[in-house]
Amino acid sequence: MKGIHVLGDATLSAPLMPKSGHMANQHAKLAAAAIVELMNGRQPSQAPLVANTCYSFVSDKEAVHVASVHTYDAREKTLKPVPGAGGLSPQRNELEGLYAWGWAQNIWVDMLG
């Protein structure tokens, strides 16, 4: 339906995409940019690219992460992982814990002001 935009997990349109707060943040930015383009009579990007990072604490100081990059596949009409982009922590450690806290603080400011 023209002018209606459904976002994130509600669409189930990208089964290989992580269900994370970071990805929800990326979806919102992608949708907002597309809506602004449409409101100004322009076509939104036909090749959007989004990234995801998800941290998990495994102790009070140690964390691990998983990261991925996704791009739009026009043929399949879905966002798909970019081969070779992203990755996993090689092991749990305190440096990852520091990165996790830094990531959290940045995304909270980005989302909540």
C-alpha atoms as a PDB file:
ATOM      1  CA  MET A   1       0.000   0.000   0.000  1.00  0.00           C
ATOM      2  CA  LYS A   2       1.495   3.355  -1.020  1.00  0.00           C
ATOM      3  CA  GLY A   3       2.800   5.467   1.859  1.00  0.00           C
ATOM      4  CA  ILE A   4       2.833   2.597   4.389  1.00  0.00           C
ATOM      5  CA  HIS A   5       6.197   1.448   5.717  1.00  0.00           C
ATOM      6  CA  VAL A   6       6.636  -1.702   7.819  1.00  0.00           C
ATOM      7  CA  LEU A   7       9.975  -2.106   9.574  1.00  0.00           C
ATOM      8  CA  GLY A   8      12.223  -4.630  11.217  1.00  0.00           C
ATOM      9  CA  ASP A   9      11.175  -8.009  12.520  1.00  0.00           C
ATOM     10  CA  ALA A  10       7.530  -7.281  11.635  1.00  0.00           C
ATOM     11  CA  THR A  11       8.305  -7.860   7.966  1.00  0.00           C
ATOM     12  CA  LEU A  12      10.133 -11.199   8.219  1.00  0.00           C
ATOM     13  CA  SER A  13      11.599 -10.142   4.881  1.00  0.00           C
ATOM     14  CA  ALA A  14      15.235 -10.916   5.608  1.00  0.00           C
ATOM     15  CA  PRO A  15      15.490 -14.334   7.245  1.00  0.00           C
ATOM     16  CA  LEU A  16      19.313 -14.261   7.363  1.00  0.00           C
ATOM     17  CA  MET A  17      19.415 -10.918   9.180  1.00  0.00           C
ATOM     18  CA  PRO A  18      20.112 -10.893  12.920  1.00  0.00           C
ATOM     19  CA  LYS A  19      17.355  -9.788  15.265  1.00  0.00           C
ATOM     20  CA  SER A  20      19.297  -7.223  17.271  1.00  0.00           C
ATOM     21  CA  GLY A  21      18.977  -3.707  18.630  1.00  0.00           C
ATOM     22  CA  HIS A  22      21.762  -2.549  16.335  1.00  0.00           C
ATOM     23  CA  MET A  23      19.943  -3.922  13.280  1.00  0.00           C
ATOM     24  CA  ALA A  24      16.682  -2.277  14.384  1.00  0.00           C
ATOM     25  CA  ASN A  25      18.604   1.006  14.618  1.00  0.00           C
ATOM     26  CA  GLN A  26      19.965   0.458  11.110  1.00  0.00           C
ATOM     27  CA  HIS A  27      16.484  -0.382   9.747  1.00  0.00           C
ATOM     28  CA  ALA A  28      15.091   2.848  11.194  1.00  0.00           C
ATOM     29  CA  LYS A  29      17.844   4.921   9.587  1.00  0.00           C
ATOM     30  CA  LEU A  30      17.411   3.165   6.248  1.00  0.00           C
ATOM     31  CA  ALA A  31      13.643   3.710   6.306  1.00  0.00           C
ATOM     32  CA  ALA A  32      13.976   7.358   7.364  1.00  0.00           C
ATOM     33  CA  ALA A  33      16.443   8.055   4.546  1.00  0.00           C
ATOM     34  CA  ALA A  34      14.120   6.383   2.015  1.00  0.00           C
ATOM     35  CA  ILE A  35      11.092   8.329   3.264  1.00  0.00           C
ATOM     36  CA  VAL A  36      12.988  11.631   3.022  1.00  0.00           C
ATOM     37  CA  GLU A  37      13.976  10.808  -0.557  1.00  0.00           C
ATOM     38  CA  LEU A  38      10.370   9.920  -1.478  1.00  0.00           C
ATOM     39  CA  MET A  39       9.039  13.101   0.148  1.00  0.00           C
ATOM     40  CA  ASN A  40      11.471  15.102  -1.986  1.00  0.00           C
ATOM     41  CA  GLY A  41      10.445  13.352  -5.208  1.00  0.00           C
ATOM     42  CA  ARG A  42      13.609  11.271  -5.452  1.00  0.00           C
ATOM     43  CA  GLN A  43      14.162   7.529  -5.583  1.00  0.00           C
ATOM     44  CA  PRO A  44      15.656   5.950  -2.460  1.00  0.00           C
ATOM     45  CA  SER A  45      18.933   4.098  -2.783  1.00  0.00           C
ATOM     46  CA  GLN A  46      18.489   0.858  -4.694  1.00  0.00           C
ATOM     47  CA  ALA A  47      21.583  -0.665  -3.055  1.00  0.00           C
ATOM     48  CA  PRO A  48      21.410   0.088   0.685  1.00  0.00           C
ATOM     49  CA  LEU A  49      24.071  -1.347   2.952  1.00  0.00           C
ATOM     50  CA  VAL A  50      23.581  -1.947   6.682  1.00  0.00           C
ATOM     51  CA  ALA A  51      25.880  -3.261   9.397  1.00  0.00           C
ATOM     52  CA  ASN A  52      25.258  -5.147  12.608  1.00  0.00           C
ATOM     53  CA  THR A  53      27.303  -5.682  15.746  1.00  0.00           C
ATOM     54  CA  CYS A  54      25.984  -7.648  18.685  1.00  0.00           C
ATOM     55  CA  TYR A  55      27.921  -7.977  21.947  1.00  0.00           C
ATOM     56  CA  SER A  56      27.285 -10.500  24.696  1.00  0.00           C
ATOM     57  CA  PHE A  57      28.873 -10.354  28.126  1.00  0.00           C
ATOM     58  CA  VAL A  58      30.036 -13.770  29.299  1.00  0.00           C
ATOM     59  CA  SER A  59      31.301 -12.538  32.677  1.00  0.00           C
ATOM     60  CA  ASP A  60      31.241  -9.249  34.558  1.00  0.00           C
ATOM     61  CA  LYS A  61      34.136  -7.944  32.394  1.00  0.00           C
ATOM     62  CA  GLU A  62      34.494 -10.241  29.383  1.00  0.00           C
ATOM     63  CA  ALA A  63      32.434 -10.133  26.193  1.00  0.00           C
ATOM     64  CA  VAL A  64      32.251 -11.592  22.686  1.00  0.00           C
ATOM     65  CA  HIS A  65      30.776 -10.153  19.520  1.00  0.00           C
ATOM     66  CA  VAL A  66      29.304 -11.107  16.193  1.00  0.00           C
ATOM     67  CA  ALA A  67      29.290  -8.619  13.312  1.00  0.00           C
ATOM     68  CA  SER A  68      27.770  -8.702   9.833  1.00  0.00           C
ATOM     69  CA  VAL A  69      27.163  -6.502   6.820  1.00  0.00           C
ATOM     70  CA  HIS A  70      24.039  -6.793   4.649  1.00  0.00           C
ATOM     71  CA  THR A  71      23.141  -5.382   1.244  1.00  0.00           C
ATOM     72  CA  TYR A  72      19.908  -5.353  -0.724  1.00  0.00           C
ATOM     73  CA  ASP A  73      19.429  -8.102  -3.311  1.00  0.00           C
ATOM     74  CA  ALA A  74      16.952  -6.674  -5.841  1.00  0.00           C
ATOM     75  CA  ARG A  75      16.371 -10.054  -7.482  1.00  0.00           C
ATOM     76  CA  GLU A  76      15.293 -11.674  -4.216  1.00  0.00           C
ATOM     77  CA  LYS A  77      13.887  -8.423  -2.741  1.00  0.00           C
ATOM     78  CA  THR A  78      15.643  -8.879   0.583  1.00  0.00           C
ATOM     79  CA  LEU A  79      18.721  -7.808   2.503  1.00  0.00           C
ATOM     80  CA  LYS A  80      21.385 -10.510   2.405  1.00  0.00           C
ATOM     81  CA  PRO A  81      24.738 -10.947   4.150  1.00  0.00           C
ATOM     82  CA  VAL A  82      27.786  -9.725   2.237  1.00  0.00           C
ATOM     83  CA  PRO A  83      30.126 -12.705   1.806  1.00  0.00           C
ATOM     84  CA  GLY A  84      33.332 -12.309   3.795  1.00  0.00           C
ATOM     85  CA  ALA A  85      32.124  -9.254   5.726  1.00  0.00           C
ATOM     86  CA  GLY A  86      31.720  -9.373   9.485  1.00  0.00           C
ATOM     87  CA  GLY A  87      32.887 -12.076  11.829  1.00  0.00           C
ATOM     88  CA  LEU A  88      33.107 -13.353  15.373  1.00  0.00           C
ATOM     89  CA  SER A  89      35.336 -12.672  18.335  1.00  0.00           C
ATOM     90  CA  PRO A  90      38.253 -15.085  18.343  1.00  0.00           C
ATOM     91  CA  GLN A  91      37.773 -15.492  22.112  1.00  0.00           C
ATOM     92  CA  ARG A  92      36.164 -13.883  25.122  1.00  0.00           C
ATOM     93  CA  ASN A  93      38.231 -11.186  26.764  1.00  0.00           C
ATOM     94  CA  GLU A  94      38.153  -7.938  28.722  1.00  0.00           C
ATOM     95  CA  LEU A  95      39.016  -5.798  25.680  1.00  0.00           C
ATOM     96  CA  GLU A  96      35.815  -7.027  24.032  1.00  0.00           C
ATOM     97  CA  GLY A  97      34.035  -6.018  27.246  1.00  0.00           C
ATOM     98  CA  LEU A  98      35.384  -2.473  26.902  1.00  0.00           C
ATOM     99  CA  TYR A  99      34.283  -2.405  23.256  1.00  0.00           C
ATOM    100  CA  ALA A 100      30.837  -3.654  24.287  1.00  0.00           C
ATOM    101  CA  TRP A 101      30.377  -0.847  26.827  1.00  0.00           C
ATOM    102  CA  GLY A 102      31.582   1.704  24.289  1.00  0.00           C
ATOM    103  CA  TRP A 103      29.185   0.340  21.661  1.00  0.00           C
ATOM    104  CA  ALA A 104      26.302   0.393  24.145  1.00  0.00           C
ATOM    105  CA  GLN A 105      26.937   3.969  25.210  1.00  0.00           C
ATOM    106  CA  ASN A 106      27.163   5.139  21.589  1.00  0.00           C
ATOM    107  CA  ILE A 107      23.986   3.424  20.419  1.00  0.00           C
ATOM    108  CA  TRP A 108      22.048   4.633  23.477  1.00  0.00           C
ATOM    109  CA  VAL A 109      23.047   8.217  22.710  1.00  0.00           C
ATOM    110  CA  ASP A 110      22.194   7.678  19.037  1.00  0.00           C
ATOM    111  CA  MET A 111      18.745   6.273  19.830  1.00  0.00           C
ATOM    112  CA  LEU A 112      17.795   8.118  23.000  1.00  0.00           C
ATOM    113  CA  GLY A 113      19.701  11.384  22.725  1.00  0.00           C
END
